[in-house]
């Protein structure tokens, strides 16, 4: 569960970086 949560957070962070 924790790994999936971390993966989702990383994906969201990557999306934000792509937007910026």
N, C-alpha and C. Protein backbone atom coordinates (compact mmCIF):
# COMPACT_ATOMS: atom_id res chain seq x y z
N UNK A 1 0.85 -1.20 0.00
CA UNK A 1 0.00 0.00 0.00
C UNK A 1 0.89 1.25 0.00
N UNK A 2 1.86 1.26 0.87
CA UNK A 2 2.72 2.46 0.97
C UNK A 2 3.45 2.71 -0.35
N UNK A 3 3.88 1.61 -0.99
CA UNK A 3 4.62 1.76 -2.25
C UNK A 3 3.73 2.39 -3.33
N UNK A 4 2.48 1.94 -3.38
CA UNK A 4 1.55 2.48 -4.38
C UNK A 4 1.32 3.97 -4.11
N UNK A 5 1.16 4.32 -2.84
CA UNK A 5 0.95 5.73 -2.48
C UNK A 5 2.14 6.57 -2.91
N UNK A 6 3.34 6.07 -2.67
CA UNK A 6 4.56 6.79 -3.05
C UNK A 6 4.64 6.94 -4.56
N UNK A 7 4.26 5.88 -5.27
CA UNK A 7 4.30 5.90 -6.74
C UNK A 7 3.34 6.97 -7.26
N UNK A 8 2.15 7.03 -6.67
CA UNK A 8 1.16 8.02 -7.10
C UNK A 8 1.67 9.43 -6.84
N UNK A 9 2.28 9.62 -5.66
CA UNK A 9 2.82 10.94 -5.30
C UNK A 9 3.92 11.34 -6.28
N UNK A 10 4.78 10.38 -6.62
CA UNK A 10 5.87 10.66 -7.55
C UNK A 10 5.32 11.03 -8.93
N UNK A 11 4.27 10.33 -9.34
CA UNK A 11 3.67 10.60 -10.65
C UNK A 11 3.08 12.01 -10.66
N UNK A 12 2.42 12.37 -9.56
CA UNK A 12 1.82 13.70 -9.47
C UNK A 12 2.91 14.76 -9.49
N UNK A 13 3.99 14.51 -8.77
CA UNK A 13 5.11 15.47 -8.73
C UNK A 13 5.70 15.62 -10.14
N UNK A 14 5.84 14.51 -10.85
CA UNK A 14 6.39 14.55 -12.20
C UNK A 14 5.48 15.37 -13.11
N UNK A 15 4.17 15.22 -12.95
CA UNK A 15 3.21 15.97 -13.76
C UNK A 15 3.35 17.46 -13.47
N UNK A 16 3.51 17.81 -12.22
CA UNK A 16 3.66 19.22 -11.84
C UNK A 16 4.94 19.78 -12.47
N UNK A 17 6.02 19.02 -12.41
CA UNK A 17 7.29 19.47 -12.98
C UNK A 17 7.15 19.68 -14.48
N UNK A 18 6.37 18.80 -15.12
CA UNK A 18 6.16 18.90 -16.56
C UNK A 18 5.39 20.19 -16.89
N UNK A 19 4.44 20.54 -16.03
CA UNK A 19 3.63 21.75 -16.25
C UNK A 19 4.51 22.99 -16.08
N UNK A 20 5.36 22.97 -15.06
CA UNK A 20 6.19 24.14 -14.79
C UNK A 20 7.24 24.34 -15.87
